[in-house]
Amino acid sequence: MLKNIPAILPPELLKLMSEMGHGDELVLTDANFPAASHAERLVRCDGIGTVQLLEAILQLFPLDTYVERPAAVMQVVKGDPVIPIIWEDYRRLIEEYEDMSEALEYEDRFDFYDRAAKAYVIVATGERAQYANLILKKGVIFPEPGHVQERMNSEIY
């Protein structure tokens, strides 16, 4: 057991998130997404919804601040009457944890599939909401204030 790690994050996912580097992508999929056929690395979280999992992930996972939109959702297919209200939860959590108000981009269904197939890891959830798929681009963890300056000063002398 570790302190301050959300209990719903399985050890395999924690390991993969830790291995990821700047720019690598993690995909949260709904229950309908063809995760097994698209994933190089697949983590199953079938009993968990994407909103719960996103909140746990964002406590540990920095989003990329070097791109305009570090998260992507799958666009609603033309003619489909679905209104994915779950996206509002994604926006709220990203703003809460990353202070980004316009973080989502919208990918065509098949472009989303192609991008997901290239991702570092796909996490298959039990989410039943349609269009609940989400790609997160990993950012960097910056040095604590003062740390860089101290190192720079020591290199000068």
N, C-alpha and C. Protein backbone atom coordinates (compact mmCIF):
# COMPACT_ATOMS: atom_id res chain seq x y z
N MET A 1 0.84 -1.19 0.00
CA MET A 1 0.00 0.00 0.00
C MET A 1 0.88 1.24 0.00
N LEU A 2 0.39 2.25 -0.71
CA LEU A 2 1.06 3.54 -0.73
C LEU A 2 0.09 4.62 -0.30
N LYS A 3 0.61 5.68 0.24
CA LYS A 3 -0.23 6.81 0.65
C LYS A 3 -0.51 7.70 -0.55
N ASN A 4 -1.69 8.30 -0.52
CA ASN A 4 -2.08 9.33 -1.49
C ASN A 4 -2.19 8.85 -2.93
N ILE A 5 -2.26 7.55 -3.15
CA ILE A 5 -2.50 7.00 -4.48
C ILE A 5 -3.98 6.59 -4.52
N PRO A 6 -4.74 7.11 -5.47
CA PRO A 6 -6.16 6.70 -5.54
C PRO A 6 -6.29 5.18 -5.67
N ALA A 7 -7.09 4.59 -4.80
CA ALA A 7 -7.21 3.13 -4.72
C ALA A 7 -7.78 2.51 -6.00
N ILE A 8 -8.48 3.26 -6.82
CA ILE A 8 -9.06 2.67 -8.02
C ILE A 8 -8.04 2.52 -9.16
N LEU A 9 -6.83 3.05 -8.99
CA LEU A 9 -5.80 2.90 -10.03
C LEU A 9 -5.07 1.57 -9.81
N PRO A 10 -5.21 0.65 -10.75
CA PRO A 10 -4.52 -0.64 -10.58
C PRO A 10 -3.01 -0.48 -10.73
N PRO A 11 -2.24 -1.33 -10.05
CA PRO A 11 -0.78 -1.23 -10.12
C PRO A 11 -0.23 -1.22 -11.54
N GLU A 12 -0.81 -2.01 -12.43
CA GLU A 12 -0.32 -2.04 -13.81
C GLU A 12 -0.46 -0.66 -14.47
N LEU A 13 -1.55 0.03 -14.22
CA LEU A 13 -1.74 1.35 -14.80
C LEU A 13 -0.77 2.36 -14.19
N LEU A 14 -0.55 2.28 -12.89
CA LEU A 14 0.42 3.17 -12.24
C LEU A 14 1.81 2.98 -12.86
N LYS A 15 2.20 1.75 -13.09
CA LYS A 15 3.50 1.45 -13.70
C LYS A 15 3.59 2.07 -15.09
N LEU A 16 2.57 1.86 -15.91
CA LEU A 16 2.58 2.38 -17.28
C LEU A 16 2.57 3.91 -17.30
N MET A 17 1.79 4.52 -16.42
CA MET A 17 1.76 5.98 -16.35
C MET A 17 3.13 6.52 -15.97
N SER A 18 3.80 5.83 -15.07
CA SER A 18 5.14 6.24 -14.64
C SER A 18 6.16 6.11 -15.77
N GLU A 19 6.01 5.08 -16.59
CA GLU A 19 6.93 4.86 -17.71
C GLU A 19 6.76 5.88 -18.83
N MET A 20 5.58 6.43 -18.95
CA MET A 20 5.28 7.35 -20.06
C MET A 20 6.14 8.60 -19.98
N GLY A 21 6.51 9.09 -21.15
CA GLY A 21 7.28 10.33 -21.24
C GLY A 21 6.45 11.45 -21.83
N HIS A 22 7.05 12.61 -21.89
CA HIS A 22 6.38 13.80 -22.42
C HIS A 22 5.89 13.55 -23.85
N GLY A 23 4.61 13.76 -24.05
CA GLY A 23 4.01 13.59 -25.37
C GLY A 23 3.38 12.23 -25.58
N ASP A 24 3.69 11.25 -24.73
CA ASP A 24 3.02 9.95 -24.85
C ASP A 24 1.54 10.12 -24.51
N GLU A 25 0.72 9.23 -25.07
CA GLU A 25 -0.71 9.36 -24.88
C GLU A 25 -1.32 8.16 -24.18
N LEU A 26 -2.31 8.46 -23.33
CA LEU A 26 -3.09 7.47 -22.59
C LEU A 26 -4.53 7.63 -23.06
N VAL A 27 -5.20 6.53 -23.33
CA VAL A 27 -6.58 6.57 -23.81
C VAL A 27 -7.50 5.90 -22.78
N LEU A 28 -8.55 6.62 -22.40
CA LEU A 28 -9.63 6.04 -21.60
C LEU A 28 -10.76 5.73 -22.57
N THR A 29 -11.23 4.49 -22.55
CA THR A 29 -12.27 4.12 -23.49
C THR A 29 -13.56 3.72 -22.78
N ASP A 30 -14.65 3.92 -23.49
CA ASP A 30 -15.93 3.45 -22.96
C ASP A 30 -16.05 1.95 -23.26
N ALA A 31 -17.10 1.36 -22.77
CA ALA A 31 -17.27 -0.10 -22.89
C ALA A 31 -17.46 -0.56 -24.32
N ASN A 32 -17.85 0.33 -25.23
CA ASN A 32 -18.07 -0.04 -26.63
C ASN A 32 -16.84 0.07 -27.51
N PHE A 33 -15.79 0.71 -27.04
CA PHE A 33 -14.60 0.93 -27.86
C PHE A 33 -13.86 -0.39 -28.10
N PRO A 34 -13.35 -0.61 -29.32
CA PRO A 34 -12.60 -1.84 -29.61
C PRO A 34 -11.18 -1.79 -29.04
N ALA A 35 -11.07 -1.74 -27.73
CA ALA A 35 -9.79 -1.53 -27.06
C ALA A 35 -8.79 -2.65 -27.32
N ALA A 36 -9.20 -3.89 -27.19
CA ALA A 36 -8.26 -5.01 -27.32
C ALA A 36 -7.65 -5.08 -28.71
N SER A 37 -8.42 -4.74 -29.73
CA SER A 37 -7.88 -4.83 -31.09
C SER A 37 -7.05 -3.61 -31.47
N HIS A 38 -7.06 -2.55 -30.65
CA HIS A 38 -6.30 -1.35 -30.97
C HIS A 38 -5.08 -1.13 -30.06
N ALA A 39 -4.99 -1.85 -28.97
CA ALA A 39 -3.98 -1.54 -27.95
C ALA A 39 -2.71 -2.37 -28.09
N GLU A 40 -1.57 -1.68 -27.95
CA GLU A 40 -0.30 -2.39 -27.74
C GLU A 40 -0.22 -2.80 -26.28
N ARG A 41 -0.65 -1.89 -25.41
CA ARG A 41 -0.70 -2.14 -23.97
C ARG A 41 -2.12 -1.85 -23.53
N LEU A 42 -2.76 -2.83 -22.93
CA LEU A 42 -4.16 -2.68 -22.52
C LEU A 42 -4.28 -2.94 -21.02
N VAL A 43 -4.95 -2.02 -20.33
CA VAL A 43 -5.28 -2.20 -18.93
C VAL A 43 -6.80 -2.22 -18.85
N ARG A 44 -7.34 -3.22 -18.17
CA ARG A 44 -8.80 -3.35 -18.04
C ARG A 44 -9.23 -2.79 -16.68
N CYS A 45 -10.19 -1.90 -16.74
CA CYS A 45 -10.81 -1.34 -15.55
C CYS A 45 -12.32 -1.39 -15.76
N ASP A 46 -12.83 -2.58 -16.02
CA ASP A 46 -14.21 -2.78 -16.44
C ASP A 46 -15.26 -2.31 -15.44
N GLY A 47 -14.96 -2.30 -14.18
CA GLY A 47 -15.95 -1.90 -13.18
C GLY A 47 -15.92 -0.43 -12.84
N ILE A 48 -15.16 0.36 -13.58
CA ILE A 48 -14.97 1.78 -13.25
C ILE A 48 -15.42 2.63 -14.43
N GLY A 49 -16.06 3.75 -14.14
CA GLY A 49 -16.45 4.70 -15.18
C GLY A 49 -15.30 5.63 -15.53
N THR A 50 -15.39 6.25 -16.68
CA THR A 50 -14.30 7.12 -17.14
C THR A 50 -14.14 8.37 -16.28
N VAL A 51 -15.21 8.91 -15.75
CA VAL A 51 -15.11 10.12 -14.94
C VAL A 51 -14.35 9.82 -13.65
N GLN A 52 -14.71 8.72 -12.98
CA GLN A 52 -13.99 8.31 -11.76
C GLN A 52 -12.51 8.10 -12.05
N LEU A 53 -12.24 7.39 -13.12
CA LEU A 53 -10.85 7.08 -13.46
C LEU A 53 -10.08 8.33 -13.85
N LEU A 54 -10.70 9.22 -14.62
CA LEU A 54 -10.04 10.47 -15.00
C LEU A 54 -9.67 11.28 -13.77
N GLU A 55 -10.56 11.36 -12.81
CA GLU A 55 -10.25 12.13 -11.60
C GLU A 55 -9.06 11.53 -10.86
N ALA A 56 -9.00 10.22 -10.78
CA ALA A 56 -7.87 9.57 -10.11
C ALA A 56 -6.57 9.79 -10.90
N ILE A 57 -6.64 9.67 -12.20
CA ILE A 57 -5.45 9.83 -13.04
C ILE A 57 -4.90 11.25 -12.96
N LEU A 58 -5.79 12.25 -13.02
CA LEU A 58 -5.34 13.64 -13.02
C LEU A 58 -4.67 14.06 -11.71
N GLN A 59 -4.85 13.28 -10.65
CA GLN A 59 -4.15 13.57 -9.40
C GLN A 59 -2.65 13.29 -9.54
N LEU A 60 -2.28 12.48 -10.53
CA LEU A 60 -0.89 12.05 -10.68
C LEU A 60 -0.27 12.40 -12.03
N PHE A 61 -1.08 12.64 -13.02
CA PHE A 61 -0.67 12.68 -14.43
C PHE A 61 -0.74 14.11 -14.96
N PRO A 62 0.40 14.72 -15.27
CA PRO A 62 0.36 16.09 -15.81
C PRO A 62 -0.05 16.08 -17.28
N LEU A 63 -0.88 17.05 -17.67
CA LEU A 63 -1.22 17.18 -19.08
C LEU A 63 -0.20 18.10 -19.76
N ASP A 64 -0.03 17.89 -21.05
CA ASP A 64 0.98 18.61 -21.83
C ASP A 64 0.61 20.09 -21.97
N THR A 65 1.47 20.96 -21.48
CA THR A 65 1.26 22.40 -21.59
C THR A 65 1.93 22.98 -22.84
N TYR A 66 2.60 22.16 -23.61
CA TYR A 66 3.28 22.62 -24.81
C TYR A 66 2.44 22.46 -26.07
N VAL A 67 1.23 21.96 -25.92
CA VAL A 67 0.30 21.84 -27.05
C VAL A 67 -0.95 22.63 -26.71
N GLU A 68 -1.68 23.03 -27.75
CA GLU A 68 -2.88 23.84 -27.52
C GLU A 68 -3.97 23.05 -26.81
N ARG A 69 -4.15 21.78 -27.19
CA ARG A 69 -5.21 20.96 -26.62
C ARG A 69 -4.63 19.59 -26.26
N PRO A 70 -4.36 19.34 -24.98
CA PRO A 70 -3.72 18.09 -24.56
C PRO A 70 -4.68 16.92 -24.34
N ALA A 71 -5.95 17.10 -24.69
CA ALA A 71 -6.94 16.03 -24.53
C ALA A 71 -7.82 16.01 -25.77
N ALA A 72 -8.32 14.82 -26.11
CA ALA A 72 -9.16 14.69 -27.30
C ALA A 72 -10.31 13.72 -27.03
N VAL A 73 -11.46 14.06 -27.59
CA VAL A 73 -12.62 13.18 -27.55
C VAL A 73 -13.01 12.82 -28.98
N MET A 74 -13.78 11.76 -29.10
CA MET A 74 -14.27 11.32 -30.40
C MET A 74 -15.52 12.12 -30.76
N GLN A 75 -15.49 12.79 -31.92
CA GLN A 75 -16.65 13.54 -32.40
C GLN A 75 -17.86 12.62 -32.55
N VAL A 76 -19.01 13.19 -32.36
CA VAL A 76 -20.25 12.45 -32.60
C VAL A 76 -20.36 12.22 -34.10
N VAL A 77 -20.65 11.00 -34.48
CA VAL A 77 -20.81 10.66 -35.89
C VAL A 77 -22.00 11.41 -36.45
N LYS A 78 -21.83 11.98 -37.65
CA LYS A 78 -22.89 12.76 -38.30
C LYS A 78 -24.19 11.95 -38.35
N GLY A 79 -25.25 12.59 -37.91
CA GLY A 79 -26.56 11.95 -37.90
C GLY A 79 -26.91 11.24 -36.61
N ASP A 80 -25.93 11.03 -35.74
CA ASP A 80 -26.18 10.38 -34.45
C ASP A 80 -26.77 11.43 -33.50
N PRO A 81 -27.92 11.18 -32.89
CA PRO A 81 -28.57 12.18 -32.04
C PRO A 81 -27.97 12.31 -30.63
N VAL A 82 -26.91 11.59 -30.33
CA VAL A 82 -26.33 11.60 -28.98
C VAL A 82 -25.71 12.95 -28.67
N ILE A 83 -25.95 13.42 -27.46
CA ILE A 83 -25.28 14.61 -26.92
C ILE A 83 -24.43 14.13 -25.76
N PRO A 84 -23.09 14.07 -25.94
CA PRO A 84 -22.23 13.50 -24.90
C PRO A 84 -22.02 14.45 -23.72
N ILE A 85 -22.96 14.43 -22.79
CA ILE A 85 -22.87 15.32 -21.63
C ILE A 85 -21.68 14.97 -20.73
N ILE A 86 -21.13 13.77 -20.89
CA ILE A 86 -19.96 13.36 -20.09
C ILE A 86 -18.76 14.25 -20.37
N TRP A 87 -18.72 14.87 -21.54
CA TRP A 87 -17.62 15.78 -21.87
C TRP A 87 -17.55 16.94 -20.89
N GLU A 88 -18.70 17.36 -20.36
CA GLU A 88 -18.70 18.45 -19.37
C GLU A 88 -17.96 18.03 -18.11
N ASP A 89 -18.10 16.76 -17.71
CA ASP A 89 -17.33 16.26 -16.57
C ASP A 89 -15.83 16.27 -16.87
N TYR A 90 -15.46 15.89 -18.09
CA TYR A 90 -14.06 15.92 -18.49
C TYR A 90 -13.51 17.34 -18.41
N ARG A 91 -14.26 18.28 -18.97
CA ARG A 91 -13.83 19.69 -18.95
C ARG A 91 -13.66 20.19 -17.51
N ARG A 92 -14.63 19.87 -16.68
CA ARG A 92 -14.60 20.32 -15.28
C ARG A 92 -13.38 19.77 -14.56
N LEU A 93 -13.11 18.47 -14.73
CA LEU A 93 -11.97 17.86 -14.03
C LEU A 93 -10.64 18.39 -14.56
N ILE A 94 -10.53 18.55 -15.85
CA ILE A 94 -9.28 19.08 -16.41
C ILE A 94 -9.04 20.50 -15.93
N GLU A 95 -10.10 21.28 -15.87
CA GLU A 95 -9.94 22.65 -15.36
C GLU A 95 -9.57 22.63 -13.88
N GLU A 96 -10.19 21.74 -13.11
CA GLU A 96 -9.91 21.66 -11.68
C GLU A 96 -8.47 21.23 -11.41
N TYR A 97 -7.99 20.22 -12.10
CA TYR A 97 -6.66 19.67 -11.81
C TYR A 97 -5.53 20.33 -12.61
N GLU A 98 -5.84 20.85 -13.78
CA GLU A 98 -4.78 21.39 -14.65
C GLU A 98 -4.96 22.87 -14.98
N ASP A 99 -6.04 23.48 -14.53
CA ASP A 99 -6.32 24.89 -14.78
C ASP A 99 -6.33 25.21 -16.28
N MET A 100 -6.89 24.29 -17.07
CA MET A 100 -7.02 24.47 -18.52
C MET A 100 -8.51 24.48 -18.86
N SER A 101 -8.97 25.58 -19.44
CA SER A 101 -10.40 25.66 -19.73
C SER A 101 -10.78 25.19 -21.13
N GLU A 102 -9.86 25.16 -22.06
CA GLU A 102 -10.14 24.75 -23.44
C GLU A 102 -9.19 23.63 -23.85
N ALA A 103 -9.18 22.54 -23.11
CA ALA A 103 -8.20 21.47 -23.32
C ALA A 103 -8.62 20.43 -24.34
N LEU A 104 -9.92 20.37 -24.68
CA LEU A 104 -10.41 19.29 -25.53
C LEU A 104 -10.36 19.63 -27.02
N GLU A 105 -9.86 18.68 -27.80
CA GLU A 105 -10.02 18.75 -29.25
C GLU A 105 -10.95 17.62 -29.65
N TYR A 106 -11.48 17.71 -30.85
CA TYR A 106 -12.50 16.77 -31.31
C TYR A 106 -11.99 16.04 -32.54
N GLU A 107 -11.87 14.72 -32.43
CA GLU A 107 -11.33 13.88 -33.50
C GLU A 107 -12.44 13.11 -34.18
N ASP A 108 -12.36 13.02 -35.49
CA ASP A 108 -13.23 12.14 -36.26
C ASP A 108 -13.10 10.72 -35.72
N ARG A 109 -14.14 9.93 -35.81
CA ARG A 109 -14.15 8.57 -35.25
C ARG A 109 -12.95 7.75 -35.69
N PHE A 110 -12.69 7.69 -37.00
CA PHE A 110 -11.61 6.82 -37.47
C PHE A 110 -10.23 7.43 -37.21
N ASP A 111 -10.12 8.75 -37.18
CA ASP A 111 -8.87 9.39 -36.77
C ASP A 111 -8.60 9.10 -35.29
N PHE A 112 -9.67 9.09 -34.49
CA PHE A 112 -9.53 8.76 -33.08
C PHE A 112 -9.02 7.33 -32.93
N TYR A 113 -9.60 6.40 -33.69
CA TYR A 113 -9.14 5.01 -33.64
C TYR A 113 -7.65 4.90 -34.00
N ASP A 114 -7.24 5.59 -35.06
CA ASP A 114 -5.83 5.55 -35.48
C ASP A 114 -4.92 6.12 -34.40
N ARG A 115 -5.33 7.23 -33.82
CA ARG A 115 -4.53 7.85 -32.76
C ARG A 115 -4.45 6.95 -31.53
N ALA A 116 -5.58 6.33 -31.17
CA ALA A 116 -5.60 5.42 -30.03
C ALA A 116 -4.68 4.23 -30.25
N ALA A 117 -4.62 3.73 -31.48
CA ALA A 117 -3.77 2.57 -31.78
C ALA A 117 -2.29 2.90 -31.60
N LYS A 118 -1.93 4.17 -31.67
CA LYS A 118 -0.54 4.60 -31.50
C LYS A 118 -0.23 5.01 -30.06
N ALA A 119 -1.24 5.04 -29.21
CA ALA A 119 -1.06 5.49 -27.83
C ALA A 119 -0.18 4.53 -27.03
N TYR A 120 0.42 5.06 -25.98
CA TYR A 120 1.26 4.24 -25.11
C TYR A 120 0.43 3.17 -24.41
N VAL A 121 -0.77 3.56 -23.96
CA VAL A 121 -1.63 2.61 -23.25
C VAL A 121 -3.09 2.97 -23.49
N ILE A 122 -3.91 1.94 -23.60
CA ILE A 122 -5.36 2.10 -23.65
C ILE A 122 -5.93 1.47 -22.38
N VAL A 123 -6.81 2.23 -21.73
CA VAL A 123 -7.47 1.76 -20.52
C VAL A 123 -8.94 1.55 -20.86
N ALA A 124 -9.37 0.30 -20.86
CA ALA A 124 -10.75 -0.05 -21.16
C ALA A 124 -11.56 0.03 -19.87
N THR A 125 -12.58 0.86 -19.88
CA THR A 125 -13.42 1.02 -18.68
C THR A 125 -14.79 0.38 -18.91
N GLY A 126 -15.59 0.41 -17.90
CA GLY A 126 -16.95 -0.10 -18.00
C GLY A 126 -17.95 1.01 -18.30
N GLU A 127 -17.45 2.16 -18.72
CA GLU A 127 -18.31 3.31 -18.98
C GLU A 127 -19.36 2.99 -20.03
N ARG A 128 -20.64 3.27 -19.73
CA ARG A 128 -21.74 2.97 -20.65
C ARG A 128 -22.15 4.19 -21.47
N ALA A 129 -21.74 5.38 -21.07
CA ALA A 129 -22.09 6.59 -21.84
C ALA A 129 -21.44 6.51 -23.21
N GLN A 130 -22.19 6.92 -24.23
CA GLN A 130 -21.63 6.92 -25.57
C GLN A 130 -20.68 8.10 -25.75
N TYR A 131 -19.69 7.92 -26.59
CA TYR A 131 -18.69 8.95 -26.90
C TYR A 131 -17.94 9.38 -25.64
N ALA A 132 -17.67 8.43 -24.77
CA ALA A 132 -16.96 8.71 -23.53
C ALA A 132 -15.46 8.45 -23.66
N ASN A 133 -14.97 8.24 -24.87
CA ASN A 133 -13.56 7.97 -25.10
C ASN A 133 -12.76 9.27 -24.99
N LEU A 134 -11.58 9.17 -24.39
CA LEU A 134 -10.77 10.36 -24.12
C LEU A 134 -9.29 10.01 -24.26
N ILE A 135 -8.57 10.85 -24.98
CA ILE A 135 -7.11 10.72 -25.10
C ILE A 135 -6.47 11.83 -24.27
N LEU A 136 -5.47 11.46 -23.47
CA LEU A 136 -4.71 12.42 -22.68
C LEU A 136 -3.25 12.40 -23.11
N LYS A 137 -2.69 13.57 -23.39
CA LYS A 137 -1.28 13.69 -23.76
C LYS A 137 -0.49 14.09 -22.52
N LYS A 138 0.52 13.28 -22.18
CA LYS A 138 1.27 13.52 -20.95
C LYS A 138 2.21 14.72 -21.09
N GLY A 139 2.23 15.50 -20.04
CA GLY A 139 3.10 16.66 -19.97
C GLY A 139 4.34 16.38 -19.14
N VAL A 140 4.91 17.43 -18.62
CA VAL A 140 6.12 17.31 -17.82
C VAL A 140 5.84 17.80 -16.40
N ILE A 141 6.66 17.34 -15.49
CA ILE A 141 6.63 17.84 -14.12
C ILE A 141 7.82 18.78 -14.00
N PHE A 142 7.53 20.03 -13.70
CA PHE A 142 8.57 21.04 -13.65
C PHE A 142 9.27 21.03 -12.29
N PRO A 143 10.53 21.49 -12.24
CA PRO A 143 11.23 21.56 -10.96
C PRO A 143 10.49 22.49 -10.00
N GLU A 144 10.67 22.25 -8.74
CA GLU A 144 10.07 23.12 -7.74
C GLU A 144 10.72 24.49 -7.82
N PRO A 145 9.97 25.55 -7.49
CA PRO A 145 10.55 26.90 -7.54
C PRO A 145 11.83 26.98 -6.73
N GLY A 146 12.83 27.65 -7.27
CA GLY A 146 14.11 27.80 -6.59
C GLY A 146 15.11 26.72 -6.93
N HIS A 147 14.63 25.53 -7.30
CA HIS A 147 15.53 24.41 -7.58
C HIS A 147 16.39 24.68 -8.80
N VAL A 148 15.82 25.17 -9.87
CA VAL A 148 16.57 25.42 -11.10
C VAL A 148 17.58 26.52 -10.87
N GLN A 149 17.16 27.58 -10.20
CA GLN A 149 18.05 28.71 -9.96
C GLN A 149 19.24 28.27 -9.12
N GLU A 150 19.01 27.44 -8.11
CA GLU A 150 20.11 26.95 -7.28
C GLU A 150 21.11 26.17 -8.11
N ARG A 151 20.62 25.31 -9.00
CA ARG A 151 21.50 24.51 -9.84
C ARG A 151 22.27 25.42 -10.80
N MET A 152 21.60 26.40 -11.38
CA MET A 152 22.26 27.31 -12.31
C MET A 152 23.34 28.11 -11.60
N ASN A 153 23.05 28.57 -10.38
CA ASN A 153 24.05 29.32 -9.63
C ASN A 153 25.26 28.45 -9.28
N SER A 154 25.04 27.17 -8.96
CA SER A 154 26.16 26.30 -8.60
C SER A 154 27.02 25.99 -9.82
N GLU A 155 26.43 26.00 -11.02
CA GLU A 155 27.21 25.75 -12.24
C GLU A 155 28.06 26.95 -12.60
N ILE A 156 27.66 28.16 -12.19
CA ILE A 156 28.43 29.36 -12.51
C ILE A 156 29.70 29.41 -11.67
N TYR A 157 29.62 28.93 -10.42
CA TYR A 157 30.78 29.04 -9.52
C TYR A 157 31.62 27.81 -9.55
